[in-house]
Amino acid sequence: MVLKFSMTGFVNPILTFATRGTSTGFSTHQWAWSTNNITYTNFGTNTAITTATFVTATLDMSAINALDGAATVYLRITFTGATSAAGNNRLDNIQ
């Protein structure tokens, strides 16, 4: 999944979202950032959660100076490690 947004006039981004998932859903979420949608740099921690209730996750990107004031930013999340087609991960309220 790729999110696209502008950081014009903003610095030190912090992403928050609600997440939950099943035990057979994806076990790894790899986050990466880009300003050209071609070259991505991995960052962040694994945000895969296996719980029946939503929890809030936070990704602090304030140390990624290339994002400060960028006209276009792309955040990519790659989901891996599911053990069943019936498993799931859910993300909501991405801010």
PDB file of N, CA and C in Angstrom:
ATOM      1  N   MET A   1       0.851  -1.151   0.000  1.00  0.00           N
ATOM      2  CA  MET A   1       0.000   0.000   0.000  1.00  0.00           C
ATOM      3  C   MET A   1       0.903   1.223   0.000  1.00  0.00           C
ATOM      4  N   VAL A   2       0.552   2.228  -0.801  1.00  0.00           N
ATOM      5  CA  VAL A   2       1.335   3.464  -0.853  1.00  0.00           C
ATOM      6  C   VAL A   2       0.425   4.646  -0.525  1.00  0.00           C
ATOM      7  N   LEU A   3       0.875   5.478   0.396  1.00  0.00           N
ATOM      8  CA  LEU A   3       0.188   6.718   0.744  1.00  0.00           C
ATOM      9  C   LEU A   3       0.972   7.879   0.143  1.00  0.00           C
ATOM     10  N   LYS A   4       0.292   8.842  -0.442  1.00  0.00           N
ATOM     11  CA  LYS A   4       0.939  10.011  -1.043  1.00  0.00           C
ATOM     12  C   LYS A   4       0.369  11.265  -0.382  1.00  0.00           C
ATOM     13  N   PHE A   5       1.276  12.180   0.026  1.00  0.00           N
ATOM     14  CA  PHE A   5       0.834  13.419   0.660  1.00  0.00           C
ATOM     15  C   PHE A   5       1.914  14.479   0.528  1.00  0.00           C
ATOM     16  N   SER A   6       1.557  15.708   0.852  1.00  0.00           N
ATOM     17  CA  SER A   6       2.494  16.824   0.795  1.00  0.00           C
ATOM     18  C   SER A   6       2.959  17.195   2.193  1.00  0.00           C
ATOM     19  N   MET A   7       4.246  17.527   2.299  1.00  0.00           N
ATOM     20  CA  MET A   7       4.808  18.041   3.547  1.00  0.00           C
ATOM     21  C   MET A   7       5.153  19.521   3.411  1.00  0.00           C
ATOM     22  N   THR A   8       4.672  20.179   2.350  1.00  0.00           N
ATOM     23  CA  THR A   8       4.941  21.599   2.148  1.00  0.00           C
ATOM     24  C   THR A   8       4.480  22.381   3.377  1.00  0.00           C
ATOM     25  N   GLY A   9       5.395  23.124   3.975  1.00  0.00           N
ATOM     26  CA  GLY A   9       5.083  23.913   5.159  1.00  0.00           C
ATOM     27  C   GLY A   9       5.124  23.130   6.465  1.00  0.00           C
ATOM     28  N   PHE A  10       5.500  21.859   6.395  1.00  0.00           N
ATOM     29  CA  PHE A  10       5.529  21.025   7.593  1.00  0.00           C
ATOM     30  C   PHE A  10       6.893  20.370   7.772  1.00  0.00           C
ATOM     31  N   VAL A  11       7.241  20.081   9.027  1.00  0.00           N
ATOM     32  CA  VAL A  11       8.486  19.378   9.350  1.00  0.00           C
ATOM     33  C   VAL A  11       8.190  18.331  10.424  1.00  0.00           C
ATOM     34  N   ASN A  12       9.125  17.404  10.581  1.00  0.00           N
ATOM     35  CA  ASN A  12       9.074  16.395  11.644  1.00  0.00           C
ATOM     36  C   ASN A  12       7.771  15.592  11.681  1.00  0.00           C
ATOM     37  N   PRO A  13       7.454  14.882  10.592  1.00  0.00           N
ATOM     38  CA  PRO A  13       6.181  14.151  10.537  1.00  0.00           C
ATOM     39  C   PRO A  13       6.118  12.977  11.513  1.00  0.00           C
ATOM     40  N   ILE A  14       4.922  12.779  12.029  1.00  0.00           N
ATOM     41  CA  ILE A  14       4.622  11.623  12.882  1.00  0.00           C
ATOM     42  C   ILE A  14       3.318  11.029  12.360  1.00  0.00           C
ATOM     43  N   LEU A  15       3.339   9.744  12.045  1.00  0.00           N
ATOM     44  CA  LEU A  15       2.174   9.043  11.529  1.00  0.00           C
ATOM     45  C   LEU A  15       1.549   8.239  12.656  1.00  0.00           C
ATOM     46  N   THR A  16       0.236   8.354  12.810  1.00  0.00           N
ATOM     47  CA  THR A  16      -0.478   7.526  13.782  1.00  0.00           C
ATOM     48  C   THR A  16      -1.616   6.816  13.064  1.00  0.00           C
ATOM     49  N   PHE A  17      -1.971   5.651  13.562  1.00  0.00           N
ATOM     50  CA  PHE A  17      -3.083   4.901  12.989  1.00  0.00           C
ATOM     51  C   PHE A  17      -3.527   3.837  13.974  1.00  0.00           C
ATOM     52  N   ALA A  18      -4.745   3.365  13.771  1.00  0.00           N
ATOM     53  CA  ALA A  18      -5.262   2.247  14.559  1.00  0.00           C
ATOM     54  C   ALA A  18      -5.031   0.976  13.758  1.00  0.00           C
ATOM     55  N   THR A  19      -4.677  -0.104  14.444  1.00  0.00           N
ATOM     56  CA  THR A  19      -4.404  -1.363  13.749  1.00  0.00           C
ATOM     57  C   THR A  19      -4.810  -2.551  14.608  1.00  0.00           C
ATOM     58  N   ARG A  20      -5.133  -3.630  13.918  1.00  0.00           N
ATOM     59  CA  ARG A  20      -5.416  -4.919  14.557  1.00  0.00           C
ATOM     60  C   ARG A  20      -5.255  -6.000  13.513  1.00  0.00           C
ATOM     61  N   GLY A  21      -5.147  -7.246  13.937  1.00  0.00           N
ATOM     62  CA  GLY A  21      -5.017  -8.341  12.984  1.00  0.00           C
ATOM     63  C   GLY A  21      -5.198  -9.684  13.648  1.00  0.00           C
ATOM     64  N   THR A  22      -5.354 -10.684  12.819  1.00  0.00           N
ATOM     65  CA  THR A  22      -5.517 -12.044  13.324  1.00  0.00           C
ATOM     66  C   THR A  22      -4.160 -12.741  13.404  1.00  0.00           C
ATOM     67  N   SER A  23      -4.097 -13.834  14.120  1.00  0.00           N
ATOM     68  CA  SER A  23      -2.823 -14.536  14.294  1.00  0.00           C
ATOM     69  C   SER A  23      -2.319 -15.159  12.999  1.00  0.00           C
ATOM     70  N   THR A  24      -3.198 -15.365  12.027  1.00  0.00           N
ATOM     71  CA  THR A  24      -2.765 -15.924  10.738  1.00  0.00           C
ATOM     72  C   THR A  24      -2.622 -14.849   9.660  1.00  0.00           C
ATOM     73  N   GLY A  25      -2.826 -13.598  10.064  1.00  0.00           N
ATOM     74  CA  GLY A  25      -2.642 -12.485   9.126  1.00  0.00           C
ATOM     75  C   GLY A  25      -1.172 -12.167   8.966  1.00  0.00           C
ATOM     76  N   PHE A  26      -0.873 -11.074   8.276  1.00  0.00           N
ATOM     77  CA  PHE A  26       0.507 -10.692   8.030  1.00  0.00           C
ATOM     78  C   PHE A  26       1.244 -10.417   9.339  1.00  0.00           C
ATOM     79  N   SER A  27       2.429 -11.002   9.481  1.00  0.00           N
ATOM     80  CA  SER A  27       3.207 -10.869  10.714  1.00  0.00           C
ATOM     81  C   SER A  27       4.230  -9.739  10.634  1.00  0.00           C
ATOM     82  N   THR A  28       4.448  -9.191   9.443  1.00  0.00           N
ATOM     83  CA  THR A  28       5.429  -8.125   9.282  1.00  0.00           C
ATOM     84  C   THR A  28       4.861  -6.995   8.432  1.00  0.00           C
ATOM     85  N   HIS A  29       5.056  -5.785   8.900  1.00  0.00           N
ATOM     86  CA  HIS A  29       4.751  -4.564   8.152  1.00  0.00           C
ATOM     87  C   HIS A  29       6.068  -3.826   7.980  1.00  0.00           C
ATOM     88  N   GLN A  30       6.557  -3.726   6.774  1.00  0.00           N
ATOM     89  CA  GLN A  30       7.787  -2.971   6.509  1.00  0.00           C
ATOM     90  C   GLN A  30       7.417  -1.618   5.906  1.00  0.00           C
ATOM     91  N   TRP A  31       7.746  -0.538   6.607  1.00  0.00           N
ATOM     92  CA  TRP A  31       7.485   0.817   6.133  1.00  0.00           C
ATOM     93  C   TRP A  31       8.700   1.353   5.389  1.00  0.00           C
ATOM     94  N   ALA A  32       8.461   2.150   4.351  1.00  0.00           N
ATOM     95  CA  ALA A  32       9.525   2.787   3.581  1.00  0.00           C
ATOM     96  C   ALA A  32       9.027   4.151   3.106  1.00  0.00           C
ATOM     97  N   TRP A  33       9.962   5.076   2.887  1.00  0.00           N
ATOM     98  CA  TRP A  33       9.589   6.412   2.425  1.00  0.00           C
ATOM     99  C   TRP A  33      10.309   6.736   1.120  1.00  0.00           C
ATOM    100  N   SER A  34       9.721   7.681   0.371  1.00  0.00           N
ATOM    101  CA  SER A  34      10.302   8.139  -0.880  1.00  0.00           C
ATOM    102  C   SER A  34       9.779   9.540  -1.179  1.00  0.00           C
ATOM    103  N   THR A  35      10.532  10.290  -1.944  1.00  0.00           N
ATOM    104  CA  THR A  35      10.039  11.580  -2.447  1.00  0.00           C
ATOM    105  C   THR A  35       9.862  11.546  -3.967  1.00  0.00           C
ATOM    106  N   ASN A  36      10.150  10.376  -4.597  1.00  0.00           N
ATOM    107  CA  ASN A  36       9.995  10.272  -6.049  1.00  0.00           C
ATOM    108  C   ASN A  36       9.190   9.043  -6.484  1.00  0.00           C
ATOM    109  N   ASN A  37       8.740   8.230  -5.557  1.00  0.00           N
ATOM    110  CA  ASN A  37       7.970   7.007  -5.819  1.00  0.00           C
ATOM    111  C   ASN A  37       8.760   5.983  -6.643  1.00  0.00           C
ATOM    112  N   ILE A  38      10.089   6.104  -6.632  1.00  0.00           N
ATOM    113  CA  ILE A  38      10.946   5.146  -7.329  1.00  0.00           C
ATOM    114  C   ILE A  38      11.916   4.506  -6.339  1.00  0.00           C
ATOM    115  N   THR A  39      12.674   5.346  -5.644  1.00  0.00           N
ATOM    116  CA  THR A  39      13.661   4.881  -4.673  1.00  0.00           C
ATOM    117  C   THR A  39      13.065   4.996  -3.273  1.00  0.00           C
ATOM    118  N   TYR A  40      12.955   3.869  -2.588  1.00  0.00           N
ATOM    119  CA  TYR A  40      12.391   3.842  -1.236  1.00  0.00           C
ATOM    120  C   TYR A  40      13.465   3.478  -0.221  1.00  0.00           C
ATOM    121  N   THR A  41      13.336   4.061   0.984  1.00  0.00           N
ATOM    122  CA  THR A  41      14.238   3.772   2.088  1.00  0.00           C
ATOM    123  C   THR A  41      13.420   3.189   3.234  1.00  0.00           C
ATOM    124  N   ASN A  42      13.771   1.995   3.666  1.00  0.00           N
ATOM    125  CA  ASN A  42      13.067   1.363   4.783  1.00  0.00           C
ATOM    126  C   ASN A  42      13.308   2.125   6.074  1.00  0.00           C
ATOM    127  N   PHE A  43      12.297   2.145   6.917  1.00  0.00           N
ATOM    128  CA  PHE A  43      12.419   2.758   8.241  1.00  0.00           C
ATOM    129  C   PHE A  43      11.361   2.137   9.132  1.00  0.00           C
ATOM    130  N   GLY A  44      11.383   2.525  10.380  1.00  0.00           N
ATOM    131  CA  GLY A  44      10.309   2.174  11.302  1.00  0.00           C
ATOM    132  C   GLY A  44      10.391   0.768  11.829  1.00  0.00           C
ATOM    133  N   THR A  45       9.489   0.504  12.714  1.00  0.00           N
ATOM    134  CA  THR A  45       9.416  -0.800  13.349  1.00  0.00           C
ATOM    135  C   THR A  45       8.271  -1.586  12.752  1.00  0.00           C
ATOM    136  N   ASN A  46       8.263  -2.855  13.019  1.00  0.00           N
ATOM    137  CA  ASN A  46       7.173  -3.707  12.575  1.00  0.00           C
ATOM    138  C   ASN A  46       5.910  -3.317  13.337  1.00  0.00           C
ATOM    139  N   THR A  47       4.851  -2.951  12.609  1.00  0.00           N
ATOM    140  CA  THR A  47       3.616  -2.524  13.258  1.00  0.00           C
ATOM    141  C   THR A  47       2.516  -3.576  13.178  1.00  0.00           C
ATOM    142  N   ALA A  48       2.872  -4.809  12.787  1.00  0.00           N
ATOM    143  CA  ALA A  48       1.867  -5.880  12.723  1.00  0.00           C
ATOM    144  C   ALA A  48       1.392  -6.214  14.136  1.00  0.00           C
ATOM    145  N   ILE A  49       0.103  -6.167  14.332  1.00  0.00           N
ATOM    146  CA  ILE A  49      -0.492  -6.420  15.644  1.00  0.00           C
ATOM    147  C   ILE A  49      -1.453  -7.597  15.515  1.00  0.00           C
ATOM    148  N   THR A  50      -1.346  -8.561  16.402  1.00  0.00           N
ATOM    149  CA  THR A  50      -2.295  -9.680  16.400  1.00  0.00           C
ATOM    150  C   THR A  50      -3.137  -9.590  17.662  1.00  0.00           C
ATOM    151  N   THR A  51      -4.164  -8.792  17.564  1.00  0.00           N
ATOM    152  CA  THR A  51      -5.087  -8.599  18.672  1.00  0.00           C
ATOM    153  C   THR A  51      -6.490  -8.380  18.112  1.00  0.00           C
ATOM    154  N   ALA A  52      -7.492  -8.756  18.861  1.00  0.00           N
ATOM    155  CA  ALA A  52      -8.877  -8.637  18.409  1.00  0.00           C
ATOM    156  C   ALA A  52      -9.411  -7.215  18.533  1.00  0.00           C
ATOM    157  N   THR A  53      -8.697  -6.349  19.241  1.00  0.00           N
ATOM    158  CA  THR A  53      -9.145  -4.969  19.395  1.00  0.00           C
ATOM    159  C   THR A  53      -8.115  -4.030  18.785  1.00  0.00           C
ATOM    160  N   PHE A  54      -8.581  -2.897  18.305  1.00  0.00           N
ATOM    161  CA  PHE A  54      -7.678  -1.919  17.707  1.00  0.00           C
ATOM    162  C   PHE A  54      -6.761  -1.303  18.760  1.00  0.00           C
ATOM    163  N   VAL A  55      -5.498  -1.103  18.390  1.00  0.00           N
ATOM    164  CA  VAL A  55      -4.537  -0.377  19.206  1.00  0.00           C
ATOM    165  C   VAL A  55      -3.943   0.725  18.341  1.00  0.00           C
ATOM    166  N   THR A  56      -3.448   1.769  18.965  1.00  0.00           N
ATOM    167  CA  THR A  56      -2.843   2.869  18.236  1.00  0.00           C
ATOM    168  C   THR A  56      -1.365   2.610  18.028  1.00  0.00           C
ATOM    169  N   ALA A  57      -0.905   2.782  16.799  1.00  0.00           N
ATOM    170  CA  ALA A  57       0.513   2.644  16.463  1.00  0.00           C
ATOM    171  C   ALA A  57       1.018   4.011  16.019  1.00  0.00           C
ATOM    172  N   THR A  58       2.292   4.284  16.278  1.00  0.00           N
ATOM    173  CA  THR A  58       2.910   5.558  15.929  1.00  0.00           C
ATOM    174  C   THR A  58       4.233   5.304  15.220  1.00  0.00           C
ATOM    175  N   LEU A  59       4.442   6.004  14.114  1.00  0.00           N
ATOM    176  CA  LEU A  59       5.726   5.981  13.419  1.00  0.00           C
ATOM    177  C   LEU A  59       6.299   7.391  13.453  1.00  0.00           C
ATOM    178  N   ASP A  60       7.372   7.574  14.176  1.00  0.00           N
ATOM    179  CA  ASP A  60       8.029   8.873  14.289  1.00  0.00           C
ATOM    180  C   ASP A  60       9.023   9.030  13.144  1.00  0.00           C
ATOM    181  N   MET A  61       8.729   9.933  12.228  1.00  0.00           N
ATOM    182  CA  MET A  61       9.595  10.176  11.071  1.00  0.00           C
ATOM    183  C   MET A  61      10.346  11.497  11.189  1.00  0.00           C
ATOM    184  N   SER A  62      10.398  12.051  12.395  1.00  0.00           N
ATOM    185  CA  SER A  62      11.017  13.366  12.586  1.00  0.00           C
ATOM    186  C   SER A  62      12.511  13.363  12.277  1.00  0.00           C
ATOM    187  N   ALA A  63      13.173  12.221  12.319  1.00  0.00           N
ATOM    188  CA  ALA A  63      14.606  12.148  12.022  1.00  0.00           C
ATOM    189  C   ALA A  63      14.893  12.046  10.520  1.00  0.00           C
ATOM    190  N   ILE A  64      13.845  11.903   9.703  1.00  0.00           N
ATOM    191  CA  ILE A  64      14.026  11.791   8.251  1.00  0.00           C
ATOM    192  C   ILE A  64      13.942  13.196   7.665  1.00  0.00           C
ATOM    193  N   ASN A  65      15.056  13.901   7.643  1.00  0.00           N
ATOM    194  CA  ASN A  65      15.089  15.299   7.233  1.00  0.00           C
ATOM    195  C   ASN A  65      14.664  15.521   5.790  1.00  0.00           C
ATOM    196  N   ALA A  66      14.813  14.528   4.927  1.00  0.00           N
ATOM    197  CA  ALA A  66      14.423  14.669   3.521  1.00  0.00           C
ATOM    198  C   ALA A  66      12.916  14.872   3.363  1.00  0.00           C
ATOM    199  N   LEU A  67      12.131  14.524   4.365  1.00  0.00           N
ATOM    200  CA  LEU A  67      10.684  14.708   4.291  1.00  0.00           C
ATOM    201  C   LEU A  67      10.240  16.110   4.666  1.00  0.00           C
ATOM    202  N   ASP A  68      11.073  16.825   5.420  1.00  0.00           N
ATOM    203  CA  ASP A  68      10.715  18.169   5.880  1.00  0.00           C
ATOM    204  C   ASP A  68      10.508  19.100   4.692  1.00  0.00           C
ATOM    205  N   GLY A  69       9.289  19.604   4.541  1.00  0.00           N
ATOM    206  CA  GLY A  69       8.974  20.553   3.479  1.00  0.00           C
ATOM    207  C   GLY A  69       8.857  19.948   2.093  1.00  0.00           C
ATOM    208  N   ALA A  70       8.945  18.641   1.945  1.00  0.00           N
ATOM    209  CA  ALA A  70       8.891  18.002   0.630  1.00  0.00           C
ATOM    210  C   ALA A  70       7.514  18.206  -0.011  1.00  0.00           C
ATOM    211  N   ALA A  71       7.518  18.540  -1.292  1.00  0.00           N
ATOM    212  CA  ALA A  71       6.256  18.765  -2.007  1.00  0.00           C
ATOM    213  C   ALA A  71       5.429  17.488  -2.097  1.00  0.00           C
ATOM    214  N   THR A  72       6.092  16.357  -2.262  1.00  0.00           N
ATOM    215  CA  THR A  72       5.396  15.071  -2.348  1.00  0.00           C
ATOM    216  C   THR A  72       6.171  14.018  -1.569  1.00  0.00           C
ATOM    217  N   VAL A  73       5.465  13.311  -0.726  1.00  0.00           N
ATOM    218  CA  VAL A  73       6.047  12.223   0.055  1.00  0.00           C
ATOM    219  C   VAL A  73       5.216  10.975  -0.205  1.00  0.00           C
ATOM    220  N   TYR A  74       5.911   9.854  -0.351  1.00  0.00           N
ATOM    221  CA  TYR A  74       5.259   8.558  -0.507  1.00  0.00           C
ATOM    222  C   TYR A  74       5.671   7.683   0.663  1.00  0.00           C
ATOM    223  N   LEU A  75       4.682   7.078   1.316  1.00  0.00           N
ATOM    224  CA  LEU A  75       4.942   6.089   2.356  1.00  0.00           C
ATOM    225  C   LEU A  75       4.405   4.766   1.855  1.00  0.00           C
ATOM    226  N   ARG A  76       5.267   3.752   1.854  1.00  0.00           N
ATOM    227  CA  ARG A  76       4.875   2.428   1.386  1.00  0.00           C
ATOM    228  C   ARG A  76       4.921   1.462   2.557  1.00  0.00           C
ATOM    229  N   ILE A  77       3.899   0.650   2.668  1.00  0.00           N
ATOM    230  CA  ILE A  77       3.901  -0.421   3.650  1.00  0.00           C
ATOM    231  C   ILE A  77       3.782  -1.745   2.880  1.00  0.00           C
ATOM    232  N   THR A  78       4.705  -2.649   3.173  1.00  0.00           N
ATOM    233  CA  THR A  78       4.704  -3.968   2.544  1.00  0.00           C
ATOM    234  C   THR A  78       4.308  -4.984   3.606  1.00  0.00           C
ATOM    235  N   PHE A  79       3.281  -5.739   3.315  1.00  0.00           N
ATOM    236  CA  PHE A  79       2.751  -6.737   4.234  1.00  0.00           C
ATOM    237  C   PHE A  79       3.300  -8.113   3.847  1.00  0.00           C
ATOM    238  N   THR A  80       3.881  -8.841   4.802  1.00  0.00           N
ATOM    239  CA  THR A  80       4.377 -10.190   4.535  1.00  0.00           C
ATOM    240  C   THR A  80       4.126 -11.089   5.740  1.00  0.00           C
ATOM    241  N   GLY A  81       4.205 -12.401   5.515  1.00  0.00           N
ATOM    242  CA  GLY A  81       4.185 -13.365   6.608  1.00  0.00           C
ATOM    243  C   GLY A  81       2.839 -13.942   6.977  1.00  0.00           C
ATOM    244  N   ALA A  82       1.810 -13.770   6.153  1.00  0.00           N
ATOM    245  CA  ALA A  82       0.513 -14.381   6.467  1.00  0.00           C
ATOM    246  C   ALA A  82       0.619 -15.893   6.332  1.00  0.00           C
ATOM    247  N   THR A  83      -0.088 -16.611   7.186  1.00  0.00           N
ATOM    248  CA  THR A  83      -0.066 -18.070   7.130  1.00  0.00           C
ATOM    249  C   THR A  83      -1.395 -18.651   6.674  1.00  0.00           C
ATOM    250  N   SER A  84      -2.368 -17.797   6.378  1.00  0.00           N
ATOM    251  CA  SER A  84      -3.675 -18.264   5.917  1.00  0.00           C
ATOM    252  C   SER A  84      -4.330 -17.165   5.091  1.00  0.00           C
ATOM    253  N   ALA A  85      -5.039 -17.559   4.040  1.00  0.00           N
ATOM    254  CA  ALA A  85      -5.768 -16.588   3.223  1.00  0.00           C
ATOM    255  C   ALA A  85      -6.915 -15.960   4.013  1.00  0.00           C
ATOM    256  N   ALA A  86      -7.330 -16.589   5.094  1.00  0.00           N
ATOM    257  CA  ALA A  86      -8.409 -16.065   5.922  1.00  0.00           C
ATOM    258  C   ALA A  86      -7.901 -15.064   6.955  1.00  0.00           C
ATOM    259  N   GLY A  87      -6.576 -14.965   7.139  1.00  0.00           N
ATOM    260  CA  GLY A  87      -6.012 -14.019   8.098  1.00  0.00           C
ATOM    261  C   GLY A  87      -6.140 -12.600   7.591  1.00  0.00           C
ATOM    262  N   ASN A  88      -6.039 -11.636   8.509  1.00  0.00           N
ATOM    263  CA  ASN A  88      -6.119 -10.236   8.073  1.00  0.00           C
ATOM    264  C   ASN A  88      -5.342  -9.298   8.984  1.00  0.00           C
ATOM    265  N   ASN A  89      -5.071  -8.130   8.463  1.00  0.00           N
ATOM    266  CA  ASN A  89      -4.554  -6.969   9.200  1.00  0.00           C
ATOM    267  C   ASN A  89      -5.456  -5.816   8.831  1.00  0.00           C
ATOM    268  N   ARG A  90      -5.707  -4.950   9.762  1.00  0.00           N
ATOM    269  CA  ARG A  90      -6.570  -3.796   9.506  1.00  0.00           C
ATOM    270  C   ARG A  90      -5.865  -2.542   9.953  1.00  0.00           C
ATOM    271  N   LEU A  91      -5.991  -1.493   9.141  1.00  0.00           N
ATOM    272  CA  LEU A  91      -5.475  -0.175   9.485  1.00  0.00           C
ATOM    273  C   LEU A  91      -6.607   0.817   9.329  1.00  0.00           C
ATOM    274  N   ASP A  92      -6.713   1.747  10.266  1.00  0.00           N
ATOM    275  CA  ASP A  92      -7.804   2.720  10.250  1.00  0.00           C
ATOM    276  C   ASP A  92      -7.293   4.027  10.840  1.00  0.00           C
ATOM    277  N   ASN A  93      -7.990   5.101  10.548  1.00  0.00           N
ATOM    278  CA  ASN A  93      -7.684   6.424  11.111  1.00  0.00           C
ATOM    279  C   ASN A  93      -6.231   6.827  10.905  1.00  0.00           C
ATOM    280  N   ILE A  94      -5.743   6.672   9.690  1.00  0.00           N
ATOM    281  CA  ILE A  94      -4.352   7.034   9.375  1.00  0.00           C
ATOM    282  C   ILE A  94      -4.244   8.561   9.360  1.00  0.00           C
ATOM    283  N   GLN A  95      -3.347   9.082  10.207  1.00  0.00           N
ATOM    284  CA  GLN A  95      -3.177  10.535  10.324  1.00  0.00           C
ATOM    285  C   GLN A  95      -1.707  10.882  10.304  1.00  0.00           C
TER     286      GLN A  95
END
